[in-house]
Amino acid sequence: MNTTLCGIDISKDWLDAHIEPMGAANRFTNDAAGIADLAAWCQNHDVELVVMEASGGYERLAFLLLWEMGQPCGMANARSVRYFAEAMGFLEKTDKIDAAVIARYGAVKRLKPTLPPSAAQQRLTALVARLSQVTGDLIVQKQRKSAAADAETIAGLDEVIALFKRQSRQLEGEIASLIDDDPLWACLDRAFRSLKGVASRTVARLMAQLPEIGVLSNKAIAKLVGLAPIANDSGKRNGRRPVRGGRAGPRGVLFLVASIVAKYDPHLAAFKQQLQAAGKEKMVIRIALARKLLVILNASERSCSTSRHRIGRAASGMAESLSSIAATSLVTWKRPCAATSPNSARWPLTALMVWVR
């Protein structure tokens, strides 16, 4: 069964749209009014899924507003789309052609809708990004101070450094409060920080830059981060299996943190010694440690999600039981049995208290 898809090529000012398989094309402005017109146009053509690429943040407004208007959207990998275009013979590159290629790629790939992030996830991502910027600026200012000799210049740099330090502390406080307010994030934070060497900033960056953690399997999450070995075999040749692609931010964090955790965690330390005894190269050991740590964190996230789900089901069941018992209690209080003691009419309340305990 053919699915009606709309491919969108996004630039700063324009949204070029192409509907597959009917071939209709149109152009809209990349603002709220243009996106509303795009949503209406897609609805008129019974579009089931809008496919777009990540475009440096220019796609964010269209992605979120289309979801709010009830139009499902899916995100495609830009590099994969480009390879697909070349494989299909599209060596030319224009906005109109790119929109058609994106639509055809989504149809061939059978892309699924990409759910929009929650408001809390968006805020966490923004706060973590700003904290990374402030930290980078703070490092630069400290380097400039170490190379400065003029007293007035040093005083000016001290003021800027103090400002960045205040902003850094404020951002860290807001991130901590945001994590504490969410039961799942709080559980994940405790699970992550139970490993010695994992700091609060590490937890926040992983939550912001890798929201899929705990949702995907261990193999899938390792490939998403770029820590999974890629097969490179042909015939009788068994080539080296390198790692490639993936998200550079979480991968860099895991590289750094895994080397620290391996100093204190006995399981990672034993795993590292086993690799060293086998004569593995240093970079291979770093990758293996980072992947091992990612698998542990992924399992911790799934454990937190399962616990939250069980607690939710237990609370729901408790509420239903309490309602049932309360209703029984009212009936019994209205019709006490005269043949029993005067206190026998109160047994449902006693049973309720015992059950709750």
Protein backbone atom coordinates (compact mmCIF):
# COMPACT_ATOMS: atom_id res chain seq x y z
CA MET A 1 0.00 0.00 0.00
CA ASN A 2 1.44 3.36 -1.06
CA THR A 3 1.81 6.03 1.59
CA THR A 4 1.41 9.71 0.72
CA LEU A 5 4.50 11.54 1.93
CA CYS A 6 5.56 15.16 1.76
CA GLY A 7 9.27 15.88 1.56
CA ILE A 8 10.41 19.31 2.74
CA ASP A 9 13.72 20.97 1.98
CA ILE A 10 14.28 23.62 4.65
CA SER A 11 16.31 26.80 4.44
CA LYS A 12 16.37 29.89 6.62
CA ASP A 13 13.53 31.62 4.75
CA TRP A 14 11.76 28.94 2.71
CA LEU A 15 10.12 25.53 2.93
CA ASP A 16 10.11 23.70 -0.42
CA ALA A 17 7.58 20.86 -0.38
CA HIS A 18 7.03 17.90 -2.70
CA ILE A 19 4.31 15.26 -2.34
CA GLU A 20 5.01 11.69 -3.36
CA PRO A 21 3.68 9.85 -5.34
CA MET A 22 1.41 12.46 -6.98
CA GLY A 23 4.27 14.89 -7.63
CA ALA A 24 2.63 18.11 -6.39
CA ALA A 25 5.12 20.81 -5.35
CA ASN A 26 4.87 24.15 -3.58
CA ARG A 27 6.92 26.68 -1.64
CA PHE A 28 6.09 28.28 1.73
CA THR A 29 7.75 30.81 3.99
CA ASN A 30 9.59 29.43 7.01
CA ASP A 31 7.46 31.18 9.62
CA ALA A 32 4.26 30.47 11.55
CA ALA A 33 1.97 31.67 8.75
CA GLY A 34 3.81 29.70 6.09
CA ILE A 35 3.85 26.57 8.21
CA ALA A 36 0.07 26.87 8.75
CA ASP A 37 -0.38 27.09 4.97
CA LEU A 38 1.88 24.05 4.57
CA ALA A 39 -0.20 22.06 7.08
CA ALA A 40 -3.43 22.96 5.27
CA TRP A 41 -1.87 22.03 1.91
CA CYS A 42 -0.76 18.66 3.29
CA GLN A 43 -4.22 17.98 4.72
CA ASN A 44 -5.85 18.80 1.39
CA HIS A 45 -3.62 16.17 -0.26
CA ASP A 46 -4.14 13.58 2.53
CA VAL A 47 -0.46 13.53 3.46
CA GLU A 48 0.23 10.89 6.11
CA LEU A 49 3.81 11.87 6.98
CA VAL A 50 5.97 14.95 6.44
CA VAL A 51 9.67 14.11 6.03
CA MET A 52 12.42 16.67 6.65
CA GLU A 53 16.14 16.84 7.35
CA ALA A 54 17.94 18.43 10.25
CA SER A 55 19.02 21.85 8.95
CA GLY A 56 21.02 23.47 11.71
CA GLY A 57 17.96 24.38 13.75
CA TYR A 58 15.95 25.94 10.90
CA GLU A 59 13.70 22.86 10.89
CA ARG A 60 12.75 23.14 14.58
CA LEU A 61 9.85 25.59 14.17
CA ALA A 62 8.26 23.66 11.30
CA PHE A 63 8.69 20.32 13.06
CA LEU A 64 7.05 21.44 16.30
CA LEU A 65 4.24 23.49 14.74
CA LEU A 66 3.28 20.76 12.30
CA TRP A 67 2.98 18.29 15.17
CA GLU A 68 0.85 20.80 17.09
CA MET A 69 -1.44 21.07 14.05
CA GLY A 70 -1.86 17.30 13.98
CA GLN A 71 0.50 16.58 11.08
CA PRO A 72 2.98 13.74 11.89
CA CYS A 73 6.59 14.43 10.96
CA GLY A 74 9.67 12.27 10.54
CA MET A 75 13.34 13.22 10.53
CA ALA A 76 15.72 11.86 7.89
CA ASN A 77 19.50 11.70 8.06
CA ALA A 78 20.86 14.34 5.66
CA ARG A 79 23.91 12.31 4.64
CA SER A 80 21.78 9.24 3.90
CA VAL A 81 19.46 11.36 1.77
CA ARG A 82 22.42 12.72 -0.20
CA TYR A 83 23.78 9.22 -0.82
CA PHE A 84 20.30 8.13 -1.90
CA ALA A 85 20.06 11.04 -4.34
CA GLU A 86 23.39 10.15 -5.97
CA ALA A 87 22.41 6.47 -6.15
CA MET A 88 19.19 7.47 -7.92
CA GLY A 89 21.15 9.58 -10.42
CA PHE A 90 20.35 13.02 -8.99
CA LEU A 91 23.72 14.75 -9.25
CA GLU A 92 22.04 18.17 -9.44
CA LYS A 93 21.14 19.91 -6.20
CA THR A 94 18.39 22.50 -5.93
CA ASP A 95 15.76 23.10 -3.26
CA LYS A 96 13.01 21.69 -5.47
CA ILE A 97 14.99 18.57 -6.36
CA ASP A 98 16.02 18.04 -2.75
CA ALA A 99 12.39 18.15 -1.61
CA ALA A 100 11.47 15.45 -4.15
CA VAL A 101 14.46 13.31 -3.13
CA ILE A 102 13.55 13.59 0.56
CA ALA A 103 10.00 12.45 -0.18
CA ARG A 104 11.21 9.47 -2.22
CA TYR A 105 13.78 8.57 0.40
CA GLY A 106 11.09 8.55 3.08
CA ALA A 107 8.93 6.26 0.95
CA VAL A 108 11.75 3.81 0.21
CA LYS A 109 13.07 3.87 3.78
CA ARG A 110 9.51 3.59 5.16
CA LEU A 111 10.27 6.22 7.75
CA LYS A 112 8.22 6.33 10.92
CA PRO A 113 7.05 9.49 12.69
CA THR A 114 9.61 11.09 14.99
CA LEU A 115 7.82 12.11 18.17
CA PRO A 116 8.43 15.71 19.24
CA PRO A 117 10.36 16.29 22.48
CA SER A 118 8.44 17.33 25.56
CA ALA A 119 8.67 20.86 26.91
CA ALA A 120 10.92 19.64 29.72
CA GLN A 121 13.21 17.86 27.23
CA GLN A 122 13.47 21.00 25.09
CA ARG A 123 14.32 23.13 28.11
CA LEU A 124 16.91 20.62 29.34
CA THR A 125 18.53 20.56 25.91
CA ALA A 126 18.65 24.36 25.79
CA LEU A 127 20.10 24.66 29.31
CA VAL A 128 22.77 22.01 28.66
CA ALA A 129 23.73 23.67 25.37
CA ARG A 130 24.06 27.04 27.07
CA LEU A 131 26.09 25.51 29.92
CA SER A 132 28.49 24.01 27.37
CA GLN A 133 28.85 27.42 25.71
CA VAL A 134 29.51 29.16 29.02
CA THR A 135 32.06 26.51 30.01
CA GLY A 136 33.87 26.92 26.70
CA ASP A 137 33.91 30.71 27.00
CA LEU A 138 35.19 30.42 30.57
CA ILE A 139 38.11 28.28 29.43
CA VAL A 140 38.97 30.79 26.70
CA GLN A 141 38.93 33.72 29.13
CA LYS A 142 41.17 31.88 31.59
CA GLN A 143 43.64 31.16 28.80
CA ARG A 144 43.65 34.82 27.82
CA LYS A 145 44.24 35.82 31.43
CA SER A 146 47.22 33.46 31.73
CA ALA A 147 48.79 35.14 28.67
CA ALA A 148 47.96 38.72 29.68
CA ALA A 149 50.50 41.01 31.34
CA ASP A 150 48.68 44.34 31.59
CA ALA A 151 46.95 44.91 34.93
CA GLU A 152 43.92 46.63 33.40
CA THR A 153 43.46 43.78 30.92
CA ILE A 154 43.66 41.21 33.71
CA ALA A 155 41.07 43.13 35.74
CA GLY A 156 38.70 43.17 32.75
CA LEU A 157 39.19 39.45 32.23
CA ASP A 158 38.50 38.81 35.92
CA GLU A 159 35.13 40.55 35.57
CA VAL A 160 34.22 38.42 32.56
CA ILE A 161 35.38 35.23 34.32
CA ALA A 162 33.29 36.09 37.39
CA LEU A 163 30.25 36.66 35.14
CA PHE A 164 30.66 33.29 33.43
CA LYS A 165 31.11 31.54 36.77
CA ARG A 166 27.85 33.04 38.05
CA GLN A 167 26.02 31.98 34.91
CA SER A 168 27.51 28.50 35.17
CA ARG A 169 26.32 28.07 38.76
CA GLN A 170 22.87 29.38 37.86
CA LEU A 171 22.56 27.02 34.90
CA GLU A 172 23.71 24.05 36.99
CA GLY A 173 21.05 24.87 39.58
CA GLU A 174 18.29 25.12 36.97
CA ILE A 175 19.35 21.82 35.40
CA ALA A 176 19.41 20.08 38.79
CA SER A 177 15.94 21.40 39.63
CA LEU A 178 14.60 20.28 36.25
CA ILE A 179 15.97 16.77 36.75
CA ASP A 180 14.65 16.53 40.31
CA ASP A 181 11.15 17.54 39.19
CA ASP A 182 10.87 14.54 36.85
CA PRO A 183 10.62 11.16 38.67
CA LEU A 184 12.18 9.21 35.79
CA TRP A 185 15.07 11.65 35.37
CA ALA A 186 15.64 11.70 39.13
CA CYS A 187 15.79 7.89 39.19
CA LEU A 188 18.16 7.89 36.23
CA ASP A 189 20.32 10.55 37.87
CA ARG A 190 20.70 8.41 40.99
CA ALA A 191 21.45 5.31 38.91
CA PHE A 192 24.09 7.11 36.83
CA ARG A 193 25.77 8.80 39.77
CA SER A 194 25.98 5.52 41.68
CA LEU A 195 29.00 4.90 39.45
CA LYS A 196 31.97 6.71 40.93
CA GLY A 197 33.33 9.21 38.43
CA VAL A 198 29.99 10.11 36.83
CA ALA A 199 29.19 13.74 37.67
CA SER A 200 25.96 15.69 37.43
CA ARG A 201 27.06 17.45 34.23
CA THR A 202 27.64 14.07 32.60
CA VAL A 203 24.13 12.94 33.48
CA ALA A 204 22.59 16.16 32.19
CA ARG A 205 24.46 16.04 28.88
CA LEU A 206 23.51 12.42 28.26
CA MET A 207 19.85 13.12 29.04
CA ALA A 208 19.81 16.15 26.76
CA GLN A 209 21.84 14.80 23.84
CA LEU A 210 20.77 11.14 24.04
CA PRO A 211 17.07 11.01 24.97
CA GLU A 212 16.81 7.59 23.28
CA ILE A 213 18.82 5.98 26.08
CA GLY A 214 16.77 3.26 27.74
CA VAL A 215 14.39 3.08 24.77
CA LEU A 216 16.66 1.34 22.26
CA SER A 217 18.45 -1.98 22.62
CA ASN A 218 22.10 -2.10 23.64
CA LYS A 219 23.25 -2.70 20.06
CA ALA A 220 21.05 0.06 18.66
CA ILE A 221 22.11 2.66 21.24
CA ALA A 222 25.79 1.80 20.68
CA LYS A 223 25.37 2.29 16.93
CA LEU A 224 23.49 5.55 17.46
CA VAL A 225 26.36 6.94 19.52
CA GLY A 226 28.99 5.61 17.12
CA LEU A 227 30.52 2.98 19.39
CA ALA A 228 29.38 -0.16 17.54
CA PRO A 229 31.91 -2.04 15.38
CA ILE A 230 30.89 -1.97 11.72
CA ALA A 231 31.36 -5.23 9.82
CA ASN A 232 33.90 -5.03 6.98
CA ASP A 233 34.03 -8.53 5.50
CA SER A 234 34.08 -9.72 1.91
CA GLY A 235 34.53 -13.31 0.77
CA LYS A 236 37.42 -14.83 2.72
CA ARG A 237 38.61 -11.44 3.96
CA ASN A 238 37.74 -10.45 7.49
CA GLY A 239 38.62 -6.77 7.71
CA ARG A 240 39.04 -4.57 10.75
CA ARG A 241 35.70 -3.46 12.16
CA PRO A 242 35.90 0.27 12.77
CA VAL A 243 33.42 2.56 14.49
CA ARG A 244 32.00 5.43 12.50
CA GLY A 245 29.26 8.02 12.52
CA GLY A 246 27.04 8.58 15.54
CA ARG A 247 26.64 11.51 17.89
CA ALA A 248 29.95 13.11 18.70
CA GLY A 249 28.78 14.86 21.89
CA PRO A 250 27.70 11.81 23.92
CA ARG A 251 30.56 9.76 22.49
CA GLY A 252 33.14 12.27 23.71
CA VAL A 253 31.56 12.34 27.16
CA LEU A 254 31.57 8.54 27.37
CA PHE A 255 35.22 8.34 26.29
CA LEU A 256 36.23 10.70 29.09
CA VAL A 257 34.00 9.31 31.81
CA ALA A 258 34.68 5.63 31.05
CA SER A 259 38.41 6.08 31.65
CA ILE A 260 37.64 7.62 35.06
CA VAL A 261 35.01 5.06 36.07
CA ALA A 262 37.39 2.22 35.14
CA LYS A 263 39.70 3.38 37.94
CA TYR A 264 37.07 2.81 40.62
CA ASP A 265 34.49 0.33 39.33
CA PRO A 266 35.76 -3.25 39.78
CA HIS A 267 33.82 -4.64 36.81
CA LEU A 268 35.10 -2.06 34.33
CA ALA A 269 38.59 -2.31 35.81
CA ALA A 270 38.59 -6.10 35.31
CA PHE A 271 37.25 -5.66 31.78
CA LYS A 272 40.05 -3.20 31.00
CA GLN A 273 42.70 -5.54 32.37
CA GLN A 274 41.28 -8.38 30.29
CA LEU A 275 41.58 -6.30 27.13
CA GLN A 276 45.12 -5.22 28.00
CA ALA A 277 46.12 -8.82 28.64
CA ALA A 278 44.78 -9.75 25.21
CA GLY A 279 47.09 -7.17 23.64
CA LYS A 280 44.39 -4.81 22.40
CA GLU A 281 45.37 -1.34 21.21
CA LYS A 282 44.74 1.66 23.45
CA MET A 283 42.08 3.13 21.19
CA VAL A 284 40.29 -0.21 20.98
CA ILE A 285 40.26 -0.36 24.78
CA ARG A 286 38.87 3.19 25.02
CA ILE A 287 36.07 2.36 22.61
CA ALA A 288 35.26 -0.90 24.39
CA LEU A 289 35.16 0.81 27.80
CA ALA A 290 32.91 3.59 26.50
CA ARG A 291 30.57 1.04 24.90
CA LYS A 292 30.51 -1.03 28.11
CA LEU A 293 29.63 2.05 30.17
CA LEU A 294 26.90 3.01 27.69
CA VAL A 295 25.37 -0.48 27.97
CA ILE A 296 25.38 -0.21 31.78
CA LEU A 297 23.71 3.20 31.68
CA ASN A 298 21.19 2.01 29.10
CA ALA A 299 20.25 -0.89 31.36
CA SER A 300 19.92 1.50 34.32
CA GLU A 301 17.56 3.70 32.30
CA ARG A 302 15.41 0.71 31.33
CA SER A 303 15.31 -0.37 34.96
CA CYS A 304 14.13 3.10 36.01
CA SER A 305 11.50 3.13 33.26
CA THR A 306 10.25 -0.33 34.27
CA SER A 307 10.10 0.65 37.93
CA ARG A 308 8.16 3.80 37.09
CA HIS A 309 5.74 1.79 34.95
CA ARG A 310 5.22 -0.75 37.72
CA ILE A 311 4.70 1.97 40.29
CA GLY A 312 2.14 3.62 38.02
CA ARG A 313 0.28 0.35 37.55
CA ALA A 314 0.40 -0.38 41.28
CA ALA A 315 -0.91 3.08 42.11
CA SER A 316 -3.71 2.67 39.59
CA GLY A 317 -4.61 -0.72 41.02
CA MET A 318 -4.48 0.65 44.56
CA ALA A 319 -6.82 3.50 43.63
CA GLU A 320 -9.32 1.06 42.11
CA SER A 321 -9.13 -1.23 45.15
CA LEU A 322 -9.56 1.70 47.53
CA SER A 323 -12.63 2.86 45.61
CA SER A 324 -14.11 -0.65 45.69
CA ILE A 325 -13.44 -1.08 49.42
CA ALA A 326 -14.78 2.37 50.22
CA ALA A 327 -17.99 1.57 48.35
CA THR A 328 -18.31 -1.73 50.26
CA SER A 329 -17.70 0.11 53.51
CA LEU A 330 -20.53 2.55 52.86
CA VAL A 331 -22.96 -0.31 52.17
CA THR A 332 -21.90 -2.16 55.32
CA TRP A 333 -22.09 0.92 57.52
CA LYS A 334 -25.63 1.55 56.31
CA ARG A 335 -26.68 -2.07 57.02
CA PRO A 336 -24.92 -3.35 60.16
CA CYS A 337 -25.65 -6.85 61.33
CA ALA A 338 -27.63 -6.79 64.58
CA ALA A 339 -26.60 -10.35 65.51
CA THR A 340 -22.97 -9.33 65.88
CA SER A 341 -21.26 -6.95 68.23
CA PRO A 342 -21.77 -3.19 67.83
CA ASN A 343 -18.26 -2.81 66.42
CA SER A 344 -18.78 -5.40 63.69
CA ALA A 345 -20.24 -2.78 61.37
CA ARG A 346 -16.81 -1.07 61.30
CA TRP A 347 -14.88 -4.01 59.83
CA PRO A 348 -14.51 -2.54 56.32
CA LEU A 349 -12.61 0.47 57.72
CA THR A 350 -10.30 -1.86 59.65
CA ALA A 351 -9.75 -3.98 56.56
CA LEU A 352 -9.00 -0.83 54.55
CA MET A 353 -6.37 0.29 57.05
CA VAL A 354 -4.72 -3.13 57.14
CA TRP A 355 -4.70 -3.37 53.35
CA VAL A 356 -3.09 0.02 52.97
CA ARG A 357 -0.36 -0.91 55.44
